[in-house]
């Protein structure tokens, strides 16, 4: 689905990790209702490393986004402007040693809003590795974006919204 501004819509249930150092080897193919997706191997010890950015700084940047509600415990909710098609992203960030370890995200939003959300966590300087929550597989960022757009185009974002 594409928004009125021509921005594609993403739908997702994911966990963001800072991308570990080096190239991650292929780990097979994940097949779901939206297609076939090459996965990456993610060494557990590298996933235990926090992102480069500080937790408090990330939440200050999140708090600067319009219509973003943040809690000190790491949870947040971001909603669309009233004049736009409705979207919502629910999230929770986990802290380790004063930095962001991982971020759970569920919902749907336009690609441009997703980029702004990632930027709060240091992207594009902080490379991201994305774990599909239900499938528990890891995708590189470009593969994740194709997956999220396919889910958005299929209208799956409607099923990820609170009722």
C-alpha atoms as a PDB file:
ATOM      1  CA  UNK A   1       0.000   0.000   0.000  1.00  0.00           C
ATOM      2  CA  UNK A   2       1.280   3.442  -0.858  1.00  0.00           C
ATOM      3  CA  UNK A   3       0.278   6.554   1.049  1.00  0.00           C
ATOM      4  CA  UNK A   4      -1.153   9.672  -0.603  1.00  0.00           C
ATOM      5  CA  UNK A   5       2.348  11.177  -0.638  1.00  0.00           C
ATOM      6  CA  UNK A   6       3.664   8.185  -2.630  1.00  0.00           C
ATOM      7  CA  UNK A   7       5.440   6.773   0.455  1.00  0.00           C
ATOM      8  CA  UNK A   8       5.166   2.982   0.701  1.00  0.00           C
ATOM      9  CA  UNK A   9       3.657   1.551   3.857  1.00  0.00           C
ATOM     10  CA  UNK A  10       5.543  -0.896   6.066  1.00  0.00           C
ATOM     11  CA  UNK A  11       3.969  -3.498   8.365  1.00  0.00           C
ATOM     12  CA  UNK A  12       6.191  -5.338  10.850  1.00  0.00           C
ATOM     13  CA  UNK A  13       6.702  -7.290  14.078  1.00  0.00           C
ATOM     14  CA  UNK A  14      10.446  -7.110  14.632  1.00  0.00           C
ATOM     15  CA  UNK A  15      13.372  -6.760  16.975  1.00  0.00           C
ATOM     16  CA  UNK A  16      16.108  -4.329  15.935  1.00  0.00           C
ATOM     17  CA  UNK A  17      19.687  -5.161  16.844  1.00  0.00           C
ATOM     18  CA  UNK A  18      22.805  -3.192  16.110  1.00  0.00           C
ATOM     19  CA  UNK A  19      24.414  -5.001  13.218  1.00  0.00           C
ATOM     20  CA  UNK A  20      27.428  -6.954  14.447  1.00  0.00           C
ATOM     21  CA  UNK A  21      30.862  -6.233  13.063  1.00  0.00           C
ATOM     22  CA  UNK A  22      31.766  -7.901   9.802  1.00  0.00           C
ATOM     23  CA  UNK A  23      29.708  -9.688   7.219  1.00  0.00           C
ATOM     24  CA  UNK A  24      27.051 -12.063   8.453  1.00  0.00           C
ATOM     25  CA  UNK A  25      26.912 -15.334   6.531  1.00  0.00           C
ATOM     26  CA  UNK A  26      23.713 -16.552   4.884  1.00  0.00           C
ATOM     27  CA  UNK A  27      21.615 -18.817   7.099  1.00  0.00           C
ATOM     28  CA  UNK A  28      19.065 -20.154   4.643  1.00  0.00           C
ATOM     29  CA  UNK A  29      15.752 -19.048   3.256  1.00  0.00           C
ATOM     30  CA  UNK A  30      12.652 -18.023   5.202  1.00  0.00           C
ATOM     31  CA  UNK A  31       9.348 -18.562   3.406  1.00  0.00           C
ATOM     32  CA  UNK A  32       6.166 -16.895   4.621  1.00  0.00           C
ATOM     33  CA  UNK A  33       2.897 -15.515   3.236  1.00  0.00           C
ATOM     34  CA  UNK A  34       4.755 -12.537   1.745  1.00  0.00           C
ATOM     35  CA  UNK A  35       7.522 -14.341  -0.135  1.00  0.00           C
ATOM     36  CA  UNK A  36      10.943 -15.939   0.202  1.00  0.00           C
ATOM     37  CA  UNK A  37      13.604 -14.094   2.176  1.00  0.00           C
ATOM     38  CA  UNK A  38      17.325 -14.804   2.550  1.00  0.00           C
ATOM     39  CA  UNK A  39      18.273 -14.909   6.222  1.00  0.00           C
ATOM     40  CA  UNK A  40      21.529 -14.147   8.034  1.00  0.00           C
ATOM     41  CA  UNK A  41      23.359 -15.961  10.803  1.00  0.00           C
ATOM     42  CA  UNK A  42      23.578 -13.815  13.918  1.00  0.00           C
ATOM     43  CA  UNK A  43      26.182 -14.885  16.509  1.00  0.00           C
ATOM     44  CA  UNK A  44      24.626 -14.638  19.997  1.00  0.00           C
ATOM     45  CA  UNK A  45      27.728 -13.037  21.518  1.00  0.00           C
ATOM     46  CA  UNK A  46      27.604 -10.218  18.979  1.00  0.00           C
ATOM     47  CA  UNK A  47      23.859  -9.725  19.567  1.00  0.00           C
ATOM     48  CA  UNK A  48      24.647  -9.177  23.243  1.00  0.00           C
ATOM     49  CA  UNK A  49      26.595  -6.026  22.312  1.00  0.00           C
ATOM     50  CA  UNK A  50      24.560  -2.828  22.658  1.00  0.00           C
ATOM     51  CA  UNK A  51      24.180  -0.312  19.878  1.00  0.00           C
ATOM     52  CA  UNK A  52      26.634   2.565  19.745  1.00  0.00           C
ATOM     53  CA  UNK A  53      24.123   5.189  20.883  1.00  0.00           C
ATOM     54  CA  UNK A  54      23.118   5.989  24.435  1.00  0.00           C
ATOM     55  CA  UNK A  55      19.697   4.967  25.760  1.00  0.00           C
ATOM     56  CA  UNK A  56      18.837   8.397  27.185  1.00  0.00           C
ATOM     57  CA  UNK A  57      19.908  10.156  23.981  1.00  0.00           C
ATOM     58  CA  UNK A  58      17.789   7.797  21.868  1.00  0.00           C
ATOM     59  CA  UNK A  59      14.748   8.488  24.030  1.00  0.00           C
ATOM     60  CA  UNK A  60      15.330  12.219  23.859  1.00  0.00           C
ATOM     61  CA  UNK A  61      15.313  11.934  20.036  1.00  0.00           C
ATOM     62  CA  UNK A  62      12.167   9.779  20.144  1.00  0.00           C
ATOM     63  CA  UNK A  63      10.491  12.345  22.384  1.00  0.00           C
ATOM     64  CA  UNK A  64      11.178  15.036  19.782  1.00  0.00           C
ATOM     65  CA  UNK A  65       9.047  13.215  17.191  1.00  0.00           C
ATOM     66  CA  UNK A  66       5.524  14.647  16.887  1.00  0.00           C
ATOM     67  CA  UNK A  67       2.773  12.484  18.401  1.00  0.00           C
ATOM     68  CA  UNK A  68       5.323  10.230  20.114  1.00  0.00           C
ATOM     69  CA  UNK A  69       4.583   9.125  23.670  1.00  0.00           C
ATOM     70  CA  UNK A  70       7.611   7.752  25.560  1.00  0.00           C
ATOM     71  CA  UNK A  71       7.904   6.180  29.007  1.00  0.00           C
ATOM     72  CA  UNK A  72      11.098   6.059  31.094  1.00  0.00           C
ATOM     73  CA  UNK A  73      10.918   2.238  31.157  1.00  0.00           C
ATOM     74  CA  UNK A  74      11.717   2.117  27.419  1.00  0.00           C
ATOM     75  CA  UNK A  75       8.220   1.777  25.996  1.00  0.00           C
ATOM     76  CA  UNK A  76       6.813   4.137  23.394  1.00  0.00           C
ATOM     77  CA  UNK A  77       3.871   4.625  21.033  1.00  0.00           C
ATOM     78  CA  UNK A  78       3.913   6.720  17.867  1.00  0.00           C
ATOM     79  CA  UNK A  79       0.780   7.554  15.895  1.00  0.00           C
ATOM     80  CA  UNK A  80      -0.014   9.151  12.565  1.00  0.00           C
ATOM     81  CA  UNK A  81      -1.201  12.715  12.102  1.00  0.00           C
ATOM     82  CA  UNK A  82      -4.990  12.997  12.188  1.00  0.00           C
ATOM     83  CA  UNK A  83      -5.178  14.110   8.535  1.00  0.00           C
ATOM     84  CA  UNK A  84      -3.170  11.093   7.254  1.00  0.00           C
ATOM     85  CA  UNK A  85      -4.200   7.449   6.878  1.00  0.00           C
ATOM     86  CA  UNK A  86      -3.995   5.938  10.348  1.00  0.00           C
ATOM     87  CA  UNK A  87      -0.873   4.100  11.452  1.00  0.00           C
ATOM     88  CA  UNK A  88       0.688   3.251  14.779  1.00  0.00           C
ATOM     89  CA  UNK A  89       3.990   1.830  16.007  1.00  0.00           C
ATOM     90  CA  UNK A  90       4.336   0.319  19.489  1.00  0.00           C
ATOM     91  CA  UNK A  91       7.859  -0.189  20.758  1.00  0.00           C
ATOM     92  CA  UNK A  92      10.023  -1.126  23.662  1.00  0.00           C
ATOM     93  CA  UNK A  93      13.760  -0.529  23.930  1.00  0.00           C
ATOM     94  CA  UNK A  94      16.000  -2.542  26.226  1.00  0.00           C
ATOM     95  CA  UNK A  95      19.012  -0.910  27.870  1.00  0.00           C
ATOM     96  CA  UNK A  96      22.428  -2.409  28.608  1.00  0.00           C
ATOM     97  CA  UNK A  97      25.271  -0.422  30.154  1.00  0.00           C
ATOM     98  CA  UNK A  98      23.540   2.887  29.366  1.00  0.00           C
ATOM     99  CA  UNK A  99      23.126   2.043  25.672  1.00  0.00           C
ATOM    100  CA  UNK A 100      20.321   0.557  23.601  1.00  0.00           C
ATOM    101  CA  UNK A 101      20.652  -3.232  23.382  1.00  0.00           C
ATOM    102  CA  UNK A 102      17.615  -3.944  21.216  1.00  0.00           C
ATOM    103  CA  UNK A 103      14.283  -2.453  20.195  1.00  0.00           C
ATOM    104  CA  UNK A 104      11.031  -4.396  19.769  1.00  0.00           C
ATOM    105  CA  UNK A 105       8.686  -2.802  17.210  1.00  0.00           C
ATOM    106  CA  UNK A 106       5.178  -3.758  16.148  1.00  0.00           C
ATOM    107  CA  UNK A 107       2.828  -1.900  13.839  1.00  0.00           C
ATOM    108  CA  UNK A 108       2.718  -0.126  10.551  1.00  0.00           C
ATOM    109  CA  UNK A 109       3.843   3.239   9.229  1.00  0.00           C
ATOM    110  CA  UNK A 110       5.077   4.894   6.039  1.00  0.00           C
ATOM    111  CA  UNK A 111       8.688   4.223   5.023  1.00  0.00           C
ATOM    112  CA  UNK A 112       9.655   7.828   5.778  1.00  0.00           C
ATOM    113  CA  UNK A 113       8.298   7.549   9.344  1.00  0.00           C
ATOM    114  CA  UNK A 114      10.185   4.287   9.823  1.00  0.00           C
ATOM    115  CA  UNK A 115      13.384   6.046   8.727  1.00  0.00           C
ATOM    116  CA  UNK A 116      12.785   8.757  11.345  1.00  0.00           C
ATOM    117  CA  UNK A 117      12.232   6.086  13.987  1.00  0.00           C
ATOM    118  CA  UNK A 118      15.478   4.318  13.056  1.00  0.00           C
ATOM    119  CA  UNK A 119      17.324   7.641  13.113  1.00  0.00           C
ATOM    120  CA  UNK A 120      16.442   8.010  16.797  1.00  0.00           C
ATOM    121  CA  UNK A 121      18.557   4.892  17.377  1.00  0.00           C
ATOM    122  CA  UNK A 122      21.525   6.151  15.374  1.00  0.00           C
ATOM    123  CA  UNK A 123      20.716   4.926  11.861  1.00  0.00           C
ATOM    124  CA  UNK A 124      22.190   5.191   9.248  1.00  0.00           C
ATOM    125  CA  UNK A 125      25.490   5.465  11.150  1.00  0.00           C
ATOM    126  CA  UNK A 126      24.398   2.511  13.276  1.00  0.00           C
ATOM    127  CA  UNK A 127      23.864  -0.422  10.914  1.00  0.00           C
ATOM    128  CA  UNK A 128      20.845  -2.547  11.830  1.00  0.00           C
ATOM    129  CA  UNK A 129      20.090  -6.245  11.822  1.00  0.00           C
ATOM    130  CA  UNK A 130      16.386  -7.102  11.942  1.00  0.00           C
ATOM    131  CA  UNK A 131      14.846 -10.159  13.554  1.00  0.00           C
ATOM    132  CA  UNK A 132      11.360 -11.178  12.438  1.00  0.00           C
ATOM    133  CA  UNK A 133       9.724 -11.742  15.796  1.00  0.00           C
ATOM    134  CA  UNK A 134       7.428 -14.676  15.056  1.00  0.00           C
ATOM    135  CA  UNK A 135       9.773 -16.526  12.715  1.00  0.00           C
ATOM    136  CA  UNK A 136      12.865 -15.784  14.861  1.00  0.00           C
ATOM    137  CA  UNK A 137      15.025 -15.303  11.762  1.00  0.00           C
ATOM    138  CA  UNK A 138      17.429 -12.473  11.002  1.00  0.00           C
ATOM    139  CA  UNK A 139      17.299 -10.292   7.885  1.00  0.00           C
ATOM    140  CA  UNK A 140      19.636  -7.607   6.695  1.00  0.00           C
ATOM    141  CA  UNK A 141      18.052  -4.165   6.446  1.00  0.00           C
ATOM    142  CA  UNK A 142      17.356  -4.142   2.661  1.00  0.00           C
ATOM    143  CA  UNK A 143      15.671  -7.570   2.853  1.00  0.00           C
ATOM    144  CA  UNK A 144      13.632  -6.466   5.859  1.00  0.00           C
ATOM    145  CA  UNK A 145      12.452  -3.365   4.005  1.00  0.00           C
ATOM    146  CA  UNK A 146      11.203  -5.481   1.095  1.00  0.00           C
ATOM    147  CA  UNK A 147       9.449  -7.805   3.556  1.00  0.00           C
ATOM    148  CA  UNK A 148       7.822  -4.919   5.451  1.00  0.00           C
ATOM    149  CA  UNK A 149       6.656  -3.324   2.169  1.00  0.00           C
ATOM    150  CA  UNK A 150       5.124  -6.614   1.011  1.00  0.00           C
ATOM    151  CA  UNK A 151       3.250  -6.895   4.314  1.00  0.00           C
ATOM    152  CA  UNK A 152       2.170  -3.261   4.013  1.00  0.00           C
ATOM    153  CA  UNK A 153       1.018  -3.743   0.408  1.00  0.00           C
ATOM    154  CA  UNK A 154      -0.979  -6.809   1.469  1.00  0.00           C
ATOM    155  CA  UNK A 155      -2.803  -4.679   4.059  1.00  0.00           C
ATOM    156  CA  UNK A 156      -1.263  -6.600   6.940  1.00  0.00           C
ATOM    157  CA  UNK A 157      -0.750  -3.391   8.895  1.00  0.00           C
ATOM    158  CA  UNK A 158      -4.452  -3.415   9.734  1.00  0.00           C
ATOM    159  CA  UNK A 159      -4.049  -6.632  11.715  1.00  0.00           C
ATOM    160  CA  UNK A 160      -1.165  -5.181  13.746  1.00  0.00           C
ATOM    161  CA  UNK A 161      -3.143  -2.251  15.140  1.00  0.00           C
ATOM    162  CA  UNK A 162      -4.783  -2.282  18.545  1.00  0.00           C
ATOM    163  CA  UNK A 163      -8.544  -2.608  18.425  1.00  0.00           C
END
